[in-house]
Structures are given as structure tokens and as C-alpha cells.
Amino acid sequence: MATITTKAIVLSSLKYSDTSLIVKCYTEQEGIKSYIIKGVLKAKKGGIKVAYFQPLTQLILVANHSSKSSLNTLKEVQILNPYKTIYRDIVKQSVVLFMSEVFSNSIQEEEKNEDFYSYLEAGLIWLDAHDKIANFHLLFLLNAAHFLGFYPNTTETTLLGFDLLNGNFSEPTGNKNIISGNEFYQFKKLLGITFDTIEDVSFSKNERQLVLQIIIRYFELHLDGFRKPKSLQILEAVFN
């Protein structure tokens, strides 16, 4: 049993018995970790609060990490980078719920990846600070593929199709995994841009949904066991 202090981002929480939670976090120091937090659902003053474990909350944890069990325990929890707008804005709440579900499905590694952690942390701080966020989830998700190992190969950009299975530009062939035409045109808009230029990219609500469906399909092809997020319908309704 090792005691460690680490930054962490909450990916999911699941009620366990009447009073406890099992919380899955992406930690800066040791990748994915799950914690059992006993008694946290009981009304009490002080101590660890259930409000700390909302989706994608950023925390500082002092934790006991066990080498013998997949469930670890927490000694101390503090909120880091408290959000000013995310939990007050229904659109941002929906984005965060969706992204937490996607990352809970996508990130499996129990190992340190400080660059990926920094990317997630900075993206969430950006979301909290900005008002024009209709395209945020598209870029946040696609750029995460850099760290998950399957970001699109952006050479040969003169070709008029994109092969979702192989992750590169391609000639349109009619293969079901090669997008072309309007699908390809809309998807290509996202490649190589930054959060600060994302609102310069124009999508209608139908185009935005189309691009999101393409990105979800891309993740399904590259991640074993990836499931289409249940919160996808909520997100689409919010942006409709």
C-alpha cells in the first residue's frame, strides 16, 4: 500500500450500497484509478463531500493505492481549478457529461501520461472560461486521439476521402469505412485547428451532429470495447 498525492479528473461515479460511491478517476501520476468512498452519501459535516465527484471535476487527492486490489481508498480530497460556469450552464453540463462518458470508455491505462493529463486539464479550463462552445466537444474529442494513439495522419491532404479504419487520407472507393463528399468536407474542417480558432469553423446543427457521429465511429474502430455514449442523445438535443 503506497500513499500518493496526485491531481485527478473524475470520470465516473457509481453508487455502492446506500451510503458509498465507487469513483473512477484519471490521475496525473498513475493513470486510471478507482476508489471506494465509504459513507460519503450520509449527511455529515466536514470530511469528503459527494459534490467533489461530479463529472470531470478536477481534484487533488491524497490516496492509498493498493497493489492487491483494483479499489483504492482516499485520505484527503480538495477541488483544484473550481469551475465558475460549467455546473451552472445546461449546455456545458451536457458536454461534460458526454465527455466524461467517452473518456471513461476510452482511457484504460494505469500508467502516467502527464501530457494527456495536461491536455484534459487545459481543455476543461478553456471550456469553463468561454461562452461560444458549440464546437468544443468535437475538437476536444478528436484531439484526444493524439494521446490515445490514433490521431489522423494529415499527409496526402489532396486526396478526397478519409479512411476511418486506417486513419489516413484516401481516394474515395465506396468502402464503408472511407468517408467522402460532404462527410469528408465537414470532418476535414477540424484537422489542425486550436480551441482559440474553433469558433471560426462554421457548422450547422446537422453538420455538427454529422461530424460527431463520424468521430464516434472513428473511436469505435480504434478502441476495443468502446461503446456509443448513452448521453449522446442528450448532447444532440441540447445543440438542436
Protein backbone atom coordinates (compact mmCIF):
# COMPACT_ATOMS: atom_id res chain seq x y z
CA MET A 1 0.00 0.00 0.00
CA ALA A 2 1.53 3.30 -1.12
CA THR A 3 0.30 6.77 -0.20
CA ILE A 4 0.41 9.16 -3.13
CA THR A 5 -0.59 12.78 -3.76
CA THR A 6 -1.80 13.43 -7.28
CA LYS A 7 -4.00 15.62 -9.42
CA ALA A 8 -7.05 13.75 -10.77
CA ILE A 9 -10.06 14.24 -13.04
CA VAL A 10 -13.31 12.46 -12.16
CA LEU A 11 -14.55 10.22 -14.99
CA SER A 12 -17.49 8.43 -13.34
CA SER A 13 -19.13 7.68 -10.02
CA LEU A 14 -21.35 4.74 -9.16
CA LYS A 15 -23.50 4.33 -6.07
CA TYR A 16 -22.34 1.40 -3.94
CA SER A 17 -24.69 0.34 -1.15
CA ASP A 18 -26.86 3.08 0.38
CA THR A 19 -24.05 5.25 1.63
CA SER A 20 -20.96 4.78 -0.54
CA LEU A 21 -19.57 5.57 -4.01
CA ILE A 22 -17.12 3.91 -6.34
CA VAL A 23 -15.36 6.69 -8.26
CA LYS A 24 -13.19 6.27 -11.36
CA CYS A 25 -10.56 8.95 -11.90
CA TYR A 26 -7.83 9.71 -14.38
CA THR A 27 -4.84 10.62 -12.21
CA GLU A 28 -1.81 12.58 -13.30
CA GLN A 29 0.62 10.23 -11.55
CA GLU A 30 -0.79 6.76 -12.20
CA GLY A 31 -3.41 6.90 -14.95
CA ILE A 32 -6.80 5.29 -14.29
CA LYS A 33 -7.61 4.54 -10.65
CA SER A 34 -10.86 3.57 -8.92
CA TYR A 35 -11.69 4.48 -5.33
CA ILE A 36 -14.28 3.26 -2.87
CA ILE A 37 -15.52 6.13 -0.70
CA LYS A 38 -17.47 4.71 2.21
CA GLY A 39 -20.21 6.71 3.90
CA VAL A 40 -19.91 9.69 1.57
CA LEU A 41 -23.67 9.71 0.84
CA LYS A 42 -24.55 10.14 4.52
CA ALA A 43 -25.34 13.70 5.57
CA LYS A 44 -22.42 14.87 7.68
CA LYS A 45 -20.32 17.97 8.21
CA GLY A 46 -16.69 18.06 7.16
CA GLY A 47 -14.82 15.26 5.50
CA ILE A 48 -15.08 14.19 1.88
CA LYS A 49 -18.21 15.52 0.12
CA VAL A 50 -20.21 13.86 -2.65
CA ALA A 51 -20.16 17.16 -4.61
CA TYR A 52 -16.43 16.62 -5.26
CA PHE A 53 -17.24 13.76 -7.63
CA GLN A 54 -19.29 15.44 -10.36
CA PRO A 55 -18.19 14.56 -13.91
CA LEU A 56 -14.77 15.95 -14.90
CA THR A 57 -14.22 17.79 -11.62
CA GLN A 58 -10.51 18.44 -11.09
CA LEU A 59 -9.17 17.31 -7.73
CA ILE A 60 -6.06 16.95 -5.62
CA LEU A 61 -6.11 13.53 -3.96
CA VAL A 62 -4.11 12.03 -1.14
CA ALA A 63 -4.80 8.34 -1.75
CA ASN A 64 -3.76 4.89 -0.66
CA HIS A 65 -3.04 2.87 -3.79
CA SER A 66 -3.13 -0.87 -3.33
CA SER A 67 -1.09 -3.35 -5.39
CA LYS A 68 -3.51 -6.14 -4.44
CA SER A 69 -6.90 -4.59 -5.18
CA SER A 70 -8.44 -2.63 -8.04
CA LEU A 71 -10.27 -0.47 -5.47
CA ASN A 72 -8.23 2.13 -3.63
CA THR A 73 -9.06 4.49 -0.77
CA LEU A 74 -8.88 8.24 -0.30
CA LYS A 75 -7.44 10.05 2.71
CA GLU A 76 -7.94 13.65 1.56
CA VAL A 77 -9.69 15.39 -1.35
CA GLN A 78 -9.59 19.03 -2.46
CA ILE A 79 -11.09 20.67 -5.54
CA LEU A 80 -8.47 22.06 -7.92
CA ASN A 81 -9.39 24.66 -10.55
CA PRO A 82 -13.01 25.07 -9.34
CA TYR A 83 -15.34 25.72 -12.27
CA LYS A 84 -17.23 29.01 -12.38
CA THR A 85 -19.70 28.21 -15.18
CA ILE A 86 -19.71 24.52 -16.09
CA TYR A 87 -22.20 23.30 -13.46
CA ARG A 88 -24.46 26.35 -13.90
CA ASP A 89 -24.85 26.10 -17.68
CA ILE A 90 -27.05 23.30 -19.06
CA VAL A 91 -25.12 23.17 -22.35
CA LYS A 92 -21.74 22.91 -20.63
CA GLN A 93 -23.15 20.35 -18.18
CA SER A 94 -24.30 18.23 -21.11
CA VAL A 95 -20.90 18.50 -22.81
CA VAL A 96 -19.12 17.48 -19.61
CA LEU A 97 -21.48 14.54 -19.02
CA PHE A 98 -20.87 13.34 -22.57
CA MET A 99 -17.09 13.78 -22.43
CA SER A 100 -16.81 12.03 -19.07
CA GLU A 101 -18.64 9.03 -20.52
CA VAL A 102 -16.43 8.97 -23.61
CA PHE A 103 -13.20 9.18 -21.61
CA SER A 104 -14.39 6.62 -19.09
CA ASN A 105 -14.79 4.26 -22.07
CA SER A 106 -11.58 5.32 -23.82
CA ILE A 107 -8.84 5.63 -21.23
CA GLN A 108 -7.66 2.30 -19.86
CA GLU A 109 -4.00 2.79 -18.95
CA GLU A 110 -2.84 2.52 -15.36
CA GLU A 111 0.29 4.49 -16.11
CA LYS A 112 1.47 8.07 -16.03
CA ASN A 113 0.81 10.26 -19.08
CA GLU A 114 1.37 13.84 -17.99
CA ASP A 115 0.90 15.26 -21.49
CA PHE A 116 -2.58 13.73 -21.82
CA TYR A 117 -3.49 14.84 -18.31
CA SER A 118 -2.35 18.41 -19.08
CA TYR A 119 -4.39 18.38 -22.30
CA LEU A 120 -7.58 17.36 -20.47
CA GLU A 121 -6.95 19.86 -17.66
CA ALA A 122 -6.32 22.77 -20.04
CA GLY A 123 -9.32 21.90 -22.23
CA LEU A 124 -11.69 21.89 -19.26
CA ILE A 125 -10.35 25.22 -18.00
CA TRP A 126 -10.90 26.63 -21.52
CA LEU A 127 -14.49 25.32 -21.58
CA ASP A 128 -15.21 26.91 -18.21
CA ALA A 129 -13.85 30.29 -19.35
CA HIS A 130 -15.57 30.62 -22.75
CA ASP A 131 -19.14 31.20 -23.89
CA LYS A 132 -19.00 30.08 -27.54
CA ILE A 133 -18.57 26.36 -27.07
CA ALA A 134 -20.86 24.71 -29.63
CA ASN A 135 -17.91 23.03 -31.41
CA PHE A 136 -15.76 22.41 -28.34
CA HIS A 137 -16.64 18.74 -27.84
CA LEU A 138 -15.78 17.92 -31.47
CA LEU A 139 -12.24 19.26 -31.23
CA PHE A 140 -11.69 18.09 -27.63
CA LEU A 141 -12.58 14.55 -28.60
CA LEU A 142 -10.70 14.44 -31.91
CA ASN A 143 -7.51 15.92 -30.44
CA ALA A 144 -7.64 13.37 -27.61
CA ALA A 145 -6.90 10.78 -30.30
CA HIS A 146 -3.33 12.18 -30.33
CA PHE A 147 -2.82 10.74 -26.85
CA LEU A 148 -4.84 7.58 -27.41
CA GLY A 149 -2.67 6.71 -30.40
CA PHE A 150 -4.85 7.16 -33.49
CA TYR A 151 -4.94 10.82 -34.50
CA PRO A 152 -5.49 11.17 -38.27
CA ASN A 153 -2.39 11.11 -40.46
CA THR A 154 -2.61 14.51 -42.13
CA THR A 155 -0.22 13.91 -45.00
CA GLU A 156 -1.64 13.50 -48.51
CA THR A 157 -4.40 16.03 -47.81
CA THR A 158 -5.06 16.48 -51.53
CA LEU A 159 -6.93 13.15 -51.58
CA LEU A 160 -10.72 13.41 -51.42
CA GLY A 161 -11.57 10.76 -48.85
CA PHE A 162 -10.60 9.70 -45.34
CA ASP A 163 -10.16 6.09 -44.25
CA LEU A 164 -11.54 5.85 -40.71
CA LEU A 165 -10.09 2.37 -40.15
CA ASN A 166 -6.53 3.22 -41.18
CA GLY A 167 -6.64 6.84 -40.03
CA ASN A 168 -5.35 8.42 -43.24
CA PHE A 169 -6.46 10.30 -46.32
CA SER A 170 -7.56 8.08 -49.18
CA GLU A 171 -9.18 8.05 -52.57
CA PRO A 172 -12.97 7.56 -52.29
CA THR A 173 -13.60 3.89 -53.16
CA GLY A 174 -17.07 3.13 -51.82
CA ASN A 175 -15.56 1.22 -48.87
CA LYS A 176 -17.90 1.66 -45.87
CA ASN A 177 -15.04 2.96 -43.69
CA ILE A 178 -13.96 5.64 -46.17
CA ILE A 179 -15.84 8.91 -45.89
CA SER A 180 -16.08 11.26 -48.86
CA GLY A 181 -18.23 14.09 -50.19
CA ASN A 182 -19.91 16.24 -47.52
CA GLU A 183 -18.91 13.90 -44.65
CA PHE A 184 -15.26 14.25 -45.60
CA TYR A 185 -15.52 18.02 -46.13
CA GLN A 186 -17.08 18.64 -42.70
CA PHE A 187 -14.70 16.30 -40.86
CA LYS A 188 -11.63 17.87 -42.51
CA LYS A 189 -12.57 21.31 -41.11
CA LEU A 190 -11.46 20.17 -37.64
CA LEU A 191 -7.99 18.97 -38.56
CA GLY A 192 -5.14 21.16 -37.39
CA ILE A 193 -7.17 23.88 -35.63
CA THR A 194 -6.93 25.04 -32.00
CA PHE A 195 -9.55 25.83 -29.37
CA ASP A 196 -8.96 29.55 -29.86
CA THR A 197 -9.85 29.34 -33.56
CA ILE A 198 -12.65 26.79 -33.24
CA GLU A 199 -15.47 29.31 -33.47
CA ASP A 200 -14.11 30.41 -36.84
CA VAL A 201 -15.22 26.98 -38.08
CA SER A 202 -18.82 27.05 -39.21
CA PHE A 203 -21.14 24.06 -38.72
CA SER A 204 -24.92 23.96 -39.00
CA LYS A 205 -26.61 21.87 -36.31
CA ASN A 206 -26.94 18.98 -38.80
CA GLU A 207 -23.28 19.25 -39.83
CA ARG A 208 -22.22 19.29 -36.18
CA GLN A 209 -24.19 16.11 -35.49
CA LEU A 210 -22.75 14.52 -38.63
CA VAL A 211 -19.16 15.26 -37.57
CA LEU A 212 -19.81 13.97 -34.06
CA GLN A 213 -21.20 10.71 -35.45
CA ILE A 214 -18.07 10.35 -37.61
CA ILE A 215 -15.77 10.91 -34.61
CA ILE A 216 -17.72 8.38 -32.52
CA ARG A 217 -17.40 5.87 -35.37
CA TYR A 218 -13.67 6.61 -35.56
CA PHE A 219 -13.30 5.86 -31.85
CA GLU A 220 -15.34 2.66 -32.18
CA LEU A 221 -12.98 1.42 -34.92
CA HIS A 222 -9.82 2.14 -32.92
CA LEU A 223 -10.70 1.31 -29.31
CA ASP A 224 -11.58 -2.22 -28.22
CA GLY A 225 -14.82 -2.26 -26.24
CA PHE A 226 -15.67 1.38 -26.93
CA ARG A 227 -19.43 1.88 -26.55
CA LYS A 228 -21.53 4.64 -28.08
CA PRO A 229 -22.19 7.04 -25.16
CA LYS A 230 -25.69 6.93 -23.67
CA SER A 231 -25.52 10.70 -23.17
CA LEU A 232 -25.11 11.29 -26.93
CA GLN A 233 -28.86 11.87 -27.36
CA ILE A 234 -28.86 14.45 -24.56
CA LEU A 235 -25.99 16.31 -26.17
CA GLU A 236 -27.66 16.29 -29.59
CA ALA A 237 -30.91 17.58 -28.08
CA VAL A 238 -29.10 20.44 -26.33
CA PHE A 239 -27.44 21.60 -29.56
CA ASN A 240 -30.56 21.05 -31.68
